[in-house]
Amino acid sequence: MDHVEKNVKKRKYSEDFLQYGFTSIITAGIEKPQCVICCEVLSAECMKPNKLKRHFDSKHPSFAGKDANYFRSKADGLKKARLDTGGKYHKQNVAAVETSYLVALRIARAMKPHTIAEDLLLPAAKDIVRVMIGDKFVPKLGAISLSNDTVRRRIDDMSADILDQIRSFQMKLQLWHKKLDENKIYMLPTLSAFFEEHDIEPDKRITMIMSVKEYLHMLADEISSYFPNLPDTPFALARSPFTVKVEDVPDTAQEEFIELINSDAARTEFFTMPVTKFWIKCLQSYPVLFETVLRLLLPFPTTYLCETGFSSLLVITSKYRSRLFVEDDLRCALAKTAPRISDLVKKKQSQPSH
């Protein structure tokens, strides 16, 4: 019943909002106000005269003398541009989305708070454009969504893409191993070319293929060791250690894990402080278990990178995080695998705020 009442109370667009330079756009079935000057889409909650006027006065004071007909003309042009997926408006939106991903990636790699984009980077970029290029180009930057929530979504997307690339490679290893069992090497063009160029005898080919199979098997095992699959959830040990069974914990950490779950002090601390701070505090008392938990958040191939990851975790949590879900920021900050931003942009709708 409450849900129905909330829907009834939703504000609708009014033609009067044109005086503030706003038309409307429907995204995911929800009507939202869109500025006809900078094309920024505000939230549905901003469908109020005072909030629209605040946007207009703060971002577009130079348009204060324009009449309703001017804004109506801009609104008509904007609506026509939405229908042209190959037009200038669409390309600008795609560029705005791509830019938001690039900025979010820099924020993650620099381990800065997500709010820095809207509080510092975007205003600074506008100042640079205004002084170096001219006022008329500043509104284009208004189409770039860099709110705290948007930056978080971008980092989550890129983190998932990085992990997808790893999983995809794991699946390819399994496929290649299977094909090698069938003496098929088309997926290894360099090896195939080597056989042909040097006219390798069948017996020697089989021996070399066996060596490749052995290497692929070792590589698959090595990668799998850094991506453990715990029961229920991949991060059960990290997020809820007192609900995990001893046999589900890696052998090297089981003794420390037993000490942890039988410590009344540790149990009390777990339920009275943020989970991230709890594990950081466990570093001295349970170093092996702590490293195991850290590897769940982001796998590291060397001790050096593990220490680097821990340092990064300290930076991220001390600056702006009190929750444990920092694996996406860590992955984007430390992973050498680059996210496929162009693919992520294609998956997004054309609205830059998405």
Protein backbone atom coordinates (compact mmCIF):
# COMPACT_ATOMS: atom_id res chain seq x y z
CA MET A 1 0.00 0.00 0.00
CA ASP A 2 2.85 2.36 0.91
CA HIS A 3 4.49 1.62 -2.42
CA VAL A 4 1.33 2.66 -4.28
CA GLU A 5 1.06 5.88 -2.28
CA LYS A 6 4.67 6.77 -3.05
CA ASN A 7 4.01 6.33 -6.76
CA VAL A 8 0.94 8.59 -6.53
CA LYS A 9 2.97 11.34 -4.85
CA LYS A 10 5.68 11.38 -7.51
CA ARG A 11 6.03 14.83 -9.07
CA LYS A 12 5.30 15.21 -12.76
CA TYR A 13 7.02 17.49 -15.22
CA SER A 14 5.43 20.89 -15.77
CA GLU A 15 5.90 23.25 -18.71
CA ASP A 16 6.69 25.91 -16.12
CA PHE A 17 10.02 24.17 -15.56
CA LEU A 18 11.17 25.43 -18.98
CA GLN A 19 11.89 28.82 -17.44
CA TYR A 20 14.69 27.08 -15.52
CA GLY A 21 15.95 25.37 -18.68
CA PHE A 22 14.53 21.92 -17.95
CA THR A 23 12.66 19.41 -20.06
CA SER A 24 11.90 15.82 -19.03
CA ILE A 25 13.24 12.42 -19.97
CA ILE A 26 12.03 8.95 -19.03
CA THR A 27 14.72 6.48 -17.96
CA ALA A 28 13.82 2.98 -16.75
CA GLY A 29 10.19 4.04 -16.64
CA ILE A 30 10.88 7.01 -14.34
CA GLU A 31 10.39 10.61 -15.43
CA LYS A 32 13.38 12.81 -14.58
CA PRO A 33 14.28 16.45 -15.25
CA GLN A 34 16.96 17.10 -17.88
CA CYS A 35 18.77 20.38 -18.37
CA VAL A 36 18.52 21.57 -21.98
CA ILE A 37 21.78 23.52 -21.64
CA CYS A 38 24.26 20.96 -20.27
CA CYS A 39 22.06 17.86 -20.86
CA GLU A 40 22.56 16.72 -17.26
CA VAL A 41 19.81 14.41 -15.98
CA LEU A 42 18.85 15.00 -12.35
CA SER A 43 17.15 12.52 -10.06
CA ALA A 44 13.37 12.22 -9.96
CA GLU A 45 13.42 13.83 -6.50
CA CYS A 46 14.74 17.02 -8.11
CA MET A 47 11.50 17.55 -10.04
CA LYS A 48 10.84 20.65 -7.92
CA PRO A 49 11.08 24.32 -8.91
CA ASN A 50 13.52 25.24 -6.14
CA LYS A 51 15.96 22.44 -7.02
CA LEU A 52 15.77 23.11 -10.75
CA LYS A 53 16.28 26.83 -10.13
CA ARG A 54 19.28 26.05 -7.92
CA HIS A 55 20.88 24.07 -10.77
CA PHE A 56 20.12 26.86 -13.26
CA ASP A 57 21.41 29.68 -11.03
CA SER A 58 24.59 27.87 -10.00
CA LYS A 59 25.60 26.35 -13.34
CA HIS A 60 24.08 28.57 -16.03
CA PRO A 61 23.75 32.14 -14.69
CA SER A 62 24.65 33.57 -18.12
CA PHE A 63 21.32 32.25 -19.51
CA ALA A 64 19.21 34.13 -16.96
CA GLY A 65 17.91 36.61 -19.53
CA LYS A 66 16.59 34.01 -21.97
CA ASP A 67 12.82 33.60 -22.39
CA ALA A 68 10.76 30.39 -22.43
CA ASN A 69 10.78 30.20 -26.24
CA TYR A 70 14.56 29.94 -26.23
CA PHE A 71 14.51 27.02 -23.82
CA ARG A 72 11.62 25.41 -25.70
CA SER A 73 13.69 25.50 -28.87
CA LYS A 74 16.61 23.92 -27.01
CA ALA A 75 14.28 21.26 -25.59
CA ASP A 76 12.92 20.40 -29.04
CA GLY A 77 16.43 20.03 -30.41
CA LEU A 78 17.38 17.86 -27.47
CA LYS A 79 14.43 15.53 -27.96
CA LYS A 80 15.23 15.16 -31.67
CA ALA A 81 18.85 14.41 -30.87
CA ARG A 82 17.84 11.58 -28.55
CA LEU A 83 16.38 9.73 -31.51
CA ASP A 84 19.61 9.99 -33.51
CA THR A 85 21.95 7.30 -32.13
CA GLY A 86 24.59 8.31 -34.65
CA GLY A 87 24.25 12.02 -34.08
CA LYS A 88 26.27 14.54 -32.14
CA TYR A 89 24.18 14.29 -28.96
CA HIS A 90 24.59 10.53 -28.75
CA LYS A 91 28.33 10.75 -29.36
CA GLN A 92 28.67 13.38 -26.63
CA ASN A 93 26.83 11.15 -24.18
CA VAL A 94 29.02 8.18 -25.06
CA ALA A 95 32.09 10.38 -24.53
CA ALA A 96 30.70 11.55 -21.18
CA VAL A 97 30.18 7.96 -20.01
CA GLU A 98 33.67 6.95 -21.16
CA THR A 99 35.14 9.95 -19.37
CA SER A 100 33.40 9.03 -16.12
CA TYR A 101 34.95 5.54 -16.34
CA LEU A 102 38.43 6.95 -16.98
CA VAL A 103 38.15 9.37 -14.06
CA ALA A 104 36.81 6.63 -11.77
CA LEU A 105 39.74 4.38 -12.73
CA ARG A 106 42.22 7.11 -11.85
CA ILE A 107 40.48 7.63 -8.51
CA ALA A 108 40.66 3.91 -7.74
CA ARG A 109 44.33 3.66 -8.73
CA ALA A 110 45.18 6.72 -6.64
CA MET A 111 43.10 5.24 -3.77
CA LYS A 112 41.22 8.49 -3.27
CA PRO A 113 37.67 8.89 -1.88
CA HIS A 114 34.95 8.67 -4.51
CA THR A 115 33.66 12.14 -3.60
CA ILE A 116 36.85 13.77 -4.87
CA ALA A 117 35.52 13.65 -8.45
CA GLU A 118 32.54 15.90 -7.79
CA ASP A 119 34.16 17.97 -5.04
CA LEU A 120 37.51 18.67 -6.70
CA LEU A 121 38.23 17.12 -10.10
CA LEU A 122 35.18 18.33 -12.02
CA PRO A 123 35.30 21.91 -10.65
CA ALA A 124 39.04 22.01 -11.39
CA ALA A 125 38.46 20.72 -14.92
CA LYS A 126 35.85 23.43 -15.50
CA ASP A 127 38.28 26.08 -14.29
CA ILE A 128 40.95 24.78 -16.65
CA VAL A 129 38.59 24.72 -19.63
CA ARG A 130 37.17 28.16 -18.82
CA VAL A 131 40.60 29.80 -18.62
CA MET A 132 42.44 27.86 -21.32
CA ILE A 133 39.70 27.34 -23.93
CA GLY A 134 36.70 29.54 -23.12
CA ASP A 135 33.43 29.76 -21.21
CA LYS A 136 31.34 28.31 -24.03
CA PHE A 137 33.00 24.90 -23.67
CA VAL A 138 32.44 24.57 -19.92
CA PRO A 139 28.80 23.33 -20.19
CA LYS A 140 30.03 20.23 -22.03
CA LEU A 141 31.67 19.07 -18.82
CA GLY A 142 28.30 19.27 -17.09
CA ALA A 143 27.26 16.16 -19.00
CA ILE A 144 29.88 14.09 -17.16
CA SER A 145 28.32 12.36 -14.17
CA LEU A 146 30.89 12.10 -11.38
CA SER A 147 28.75 11.80 -8.28
CA ASN A 148 29.86 9.53 -5.44
CA ASP A 149 27.34 6.86 -6.49
CA THR A 150 28.33 7.04 -10.16
CA VAL A 151 32.03 6.67 -9.38
CA ARG A 152 31.24 3.69 -7.15
CA ARG A 153 29.20 2.05 -9.94
CA ARG A 154 31.98 2.66 -12.46
CA ILE A 155 34.58 1.07 -10.17
CA ASP A 156 32.28 -1.88 -9.50
CA ASP A 157 31.80 -2.35 -13.26
CA MET A 158 35.53 -2.23 -13.98
CA SER A 159 36.35 -4.58 -11.13
CA ALA A 160 33.79 -7.10 -12.39
CA ASP A 161 35.23 -6.79 -15.90
CA ILE A 162 38.76 -7.48 -14.67
CA LEU A 163 37.54 -10.56 -12.82
CA ASP A 164 35.58 -11.65 -15.90
CA GLN A 165 38.76 -11.51 -17.95
CA ILE A 166 40.52 -13.78 -15.46
CA ARG A 167 37.63 -16.23 -15.42
CA SER A 168 37.48 -16.18 -19.20
CA PHE A 169 41.17 -17.04 -19.37
CA GLN A 170 40.63 -19.91 -16.93
CA MET A 171 37.89 -21.30 -19.16
CA LYS A 172 40.15 -20.97 -22.20
CA LEU A 173 42.86 -22.94 -20.42
CA GLN A 174 40.40 -25.77 -19.84
CA LEU A 175 39.31 -25.66 -23.48
CA TRP A 176 42.89 -25.64 -24.77
CA HIS A 177 43.79 -28.58 -22.56
CA LYS A 178 40.83 -30.53 -23.91
CA LYS A 179 41.75 -29.73 -27.52
CA LEU A 180 45.35 -30.81 -26.92
CA ASP A 181 44.01 -34.15 -25.70
CA GLU A 182 42.55 -34.45 -29.19
CA ASN A 183 45.92 -33.43 -30.72
CA LYS A 184 44.40 -30.18 -32.00
CA ILE A 185 46.68 -27.15 -31.88
CA TYR A 186 44.85 -24.57 -34.01
CA MET A 187 44.36 -22.37 -30.91
CA LEU A 188 48.17 -22.18 -30.58
CA PRO A 189 49.18 -20.62 -33.94
CA THR A 190 52.83 -20.13 -32.99
CA LEU A 191 53.25 -23.80 -32.12
CA SER A 192 51.34 -24.86 -35.22
CA ALA A 193 53.55 -22.68 -37.43
CA PHE A 194 56.68 -24.06 -35.74
CA PHE A 195 55.62 -27.62 -36.54
CA GLU A 196 55.02 -26.75 -40.18
CA GLU A 197 58.14 -24.65 -40.74
CA HIS A 198 60.48 -27.21 -39.19
CA ASP A 199 58.63 -30.29 -40.41
CA ILE A 200 58.51 -31.79 -36.92
CA GLU A 201 58.00 -35.57 -36.88
CA PRO A 202 54.74 -36.93 -35.39
CA ASP A 203 56.44 -38.55 -32.38
CA LYS A 204 58.24 -35.34 -31.48
CA ARG A 205 55.02 -33.39 -31.98
CA ILE A 206 53.27 -35.58 -29.43
CA THR A 207 56.11 -35.08 -26.96
CA MET A 208 55.99 -31.31 -27.37
CA ILE A 209 52.20 -31.27 -27.09
CA MET A 210 52.48 -33.24 -23.83
CA SER A 211 54.89 -30.60 -22.51
CA VAL A 212 52.46 -27.83 -23.44
CA LYS A 213 49.61 -29.72 -21.74
CA GLU A 214 51.67 -30.09 -18.59
CA TYR A 215 52.47 -26.38 -18.60
CA LEU A 216 48.81 -25.42 -19.13
CA HIS A 217 47.81 -27.69 -16.27
CA MET A 218 50.37 -26.07 -13.96
CA LEU A 219 49.24 -22.61 -15.07
CA ALA A 220 45.59 -23.45 -14.43
CA ASP A 221 46.42 -24.77 -10.95
CA GLU A 222 48.49 -21.69 -10.20
CA ILE A 223 45.70 -19.30 -11.18
CA SER A 224 43.09 -21.36 -9.30
CA SER A 225 45.19 -21.15 -6.13
CA TYR A 226 44.75 -17.38 -6.18
CA PHE A 227 41.00 -17.57 -6.79
CA PRO A 228 39.69 -19.96 -4.10
CA ASN A 229 36.01 -20.85 -4.12
CA LEU A 230 34.74 -20.95 -0.56
CA PRO A 231 31.27 -22.45 0.08
CA ASP A 232 28.19 -20.20 0.17
CA THR A 233 30.07 -17.04 -0.82
CA PRO A 234 33.61 -16.38 -2.06
CA PHE A 235 34.09 -13.93 0.81
CA ALA A 236 32.42 -15.87 3.66
CA LEU A 237 35.61 -16.08 5.70
CA ALA A 238 36.29 -12.37 5.32
CA ARG A 239 32.76 -11.14 5.99
CA SER A 240 31.50 -13.61 8.59
CA PRO A 241 34.37 -15.70 10.02
CA PHE A 242 32.43 -17.06 13.00
CA THR A 243 29.97 -18.85 10.70
CA VAL A 244 32.64 -20.67 8.65
CA LYS A 245 33.66 -24.28 9.34
CA VAL A 246 37.29 -25.07 10.07
CA GLU A 247 37.52 -27.51 7.16
CA ASP A 248 36.45 -24.75 4.76
CA VAL A 249 39.48 -22.63 5.68
CA PRO A 250 42.78 -23.17 3.80
CA ASP A 251 45.04 -25.63 5.64
CA THR A 252 47.78 -23.08 6.31
CA ALA A 253 45.38 -20.83 8.23
CA GLN A 254 43.32 -23.42 10.11
CA GLU A 255 45.29 -23.29 13.38
CA GLU A 256 45.04 -19.51 13.64
CA PHE A 257 41.39 -19.70 12.61
CA ILE A 258 40.68 -22.10 15.50
CA GLU A 259 42.37 -19.68 17.90
CA LEU A 260 40.31 -16.82 16.50
CA ILE A 261 36.88 -18.43 16.76
CA ASN A 262 37.63 -19.57 20.33
CA SER A 263 38.69 -16.12 21.46
CA ASP A 264 35.96 -14.26 23.34
CA ALA A 265 37.87 -11.01 22.87
CA ALA A 266 38.05 -11.48 19.10
CA ARG A 267 34.36 -12.36 18.92
CA THR A 268 33.43 -9.25 20.88
CA GLU A 269 35.61 -7.05 18.67
CA PHE A 270 34.11 -8.53 15.51
CA PHE A 271 30.58 -7.61 16.55
CA THR A 272 31.46 -4.16 17.93
CA MET A 273 33.67 -2.65 15.20
CA PRO A 274 33.66 -2.33 11.42
CA VAL A 275 34.75 -5.59 9.81
CA THR A 276 37.63 -3.98 7.95
CA LYS A 277 39.13 -2.57 11.15
CA PHE A 278 38.64 -5.95 12.82
CA TRP A 279 40.82 -7.71 10.24
CA ILE A 280 43.44 -4.98 10.31
CA LYS A 281 43.64 -5.45 14.06
CA CYS A 282 44.08 -9.21 13.51
CA LEU A 283 47.27 -8.65 11.53
CA GLN A 284 49.58 -9.00 14.52
CA SER A 285 47.80 -11.87 16.28
CA TYR A 286 46.74 -13.90 13.23
CA PRO A 287 49.12 -12.97 10.38
CA VAL A 288 48.55 -16.10 8.26
CA LEU A 289 44.78 -15.88 8.61
CA PHE A 290 44.88 -12.17 7.81
CA GLU A 291 46.88 -12.81 4.63
CA THR A 292 44.34 -15.50 3.66
CA VAL A 293 41.50 -13.01 4.06
CA LEU A 294 43.37 -10.38 2.08
CA ARG A 295 43.92 -12.86 -0.75
CA LEU A 296 40.15 -13.35 -0.89
CA LEU A 297 39.72 -9.65 -1.54
CA LEU A 298 42.40 -9.54 -4.22
CA PRO A 299 44.71 -12.42 -5.20
CA PHE A 300 48.43 -11.58 -5.18
CA PRO A 301 51.11 -13.62 -6.96
CA THR A 302 53.95 -12.48 -4.66
CA THR A 303 54.55 -11.53 -1.03
CA TYR A 304 55.61 -8.05 -2.17
CA LEU A 305 52.30 -7.47 -3.93
CA CYS A 306 50.45 -8.86 -0.93
CA GLU A 307 52.19 -6.29 1.29
CA THR A 308 51.40 -3.62 -1.29
CA GLY A 309 47.78 -4.71 -1.23
CA PHE A 310 47.68 -4.50 2.54
CA SER A 311 49.15 -1.00 2.44
CA SER A 312 46.51 -0.03 -0.12
CA LEU A 313 43.79 -1.51 2.06
CA LEU A 314 44.98 0.61 4.98
CA VAL A 315 44.94 3.74 2.81
CA ILE A 316 41.46 3.09 1.42
CA THR A 317 39.86 2.19 4.76
CA SER A 318 41.54 4.92 6.78
CA LYS A 319 40.64 7.68 4.35
CA TYR A 320 37.02 7.08 3.55
CA ARG A 321 35.82 3.54 4.15
CA SER A 322 34.54 1.75 7.25
CA ARG A 323 33.00 -1.20 5.42
CA LEU A 324 34.69 -4.33 4.17
CA PHE A 325 33.49 -4.25 0.60
CA VAL A 326 36.64 -2.64 -0.77
CA GLU A 327 37.61 -5.51 -3.09
CA ASP A 328 36.46 -3.58 -6.17
CA ASP A 329 38.61 -0.56 -5.29
CA LEU A 330 41.56 -2.82 -4.48
CA ARG A 331 41.24 -4.76 -7.70
CA CYS A 332 41.13 -1.61 -9.83
CA ALA A 333 43.98 -0.06 -7.83
CA LEU A 334 46.39 -2.99 -8.04
CA ALA A 335 45.43 -5.27 -10.92
CA LYS A 336 47.67 -5.15 -13.98
CA THR A 337 44.76 -6.28 -16.14
CA ALA A 338 43.14 -3.19 -17.66
CA PRO A 339 39.33 -2.97 -17.66
CA ARG A 340 37.71 -2.98 -21.10
CA ILE A 341 36.19 0.46 -20.79
CA SER A 342 35.00 0.65 -24.40
CA ASP A 343 32.98 -2.55 -23.90
CA LEU A 344 31.54 -1.25 -20.63
CA VAL A 345 30.48 2.00 -22.33
CA LYS A 346 28.65 0.05 -25.04
CA LYS A 347 26.66 -1.82 -22.41
CA LYS A 348 25.44 1.43 -20.86
CA GLN A 349 22.43 3.36 -22.05
CA SER A 350 23.17 6.61 -23.82
CA GLN A 351 22.40 8.71 -20.75
CA PRO A 352 25.68 9.83 -19.12
CA SER A 353 24.22 9.59 -15.60
CA HIS A 354 23.80 5.80 -15.84
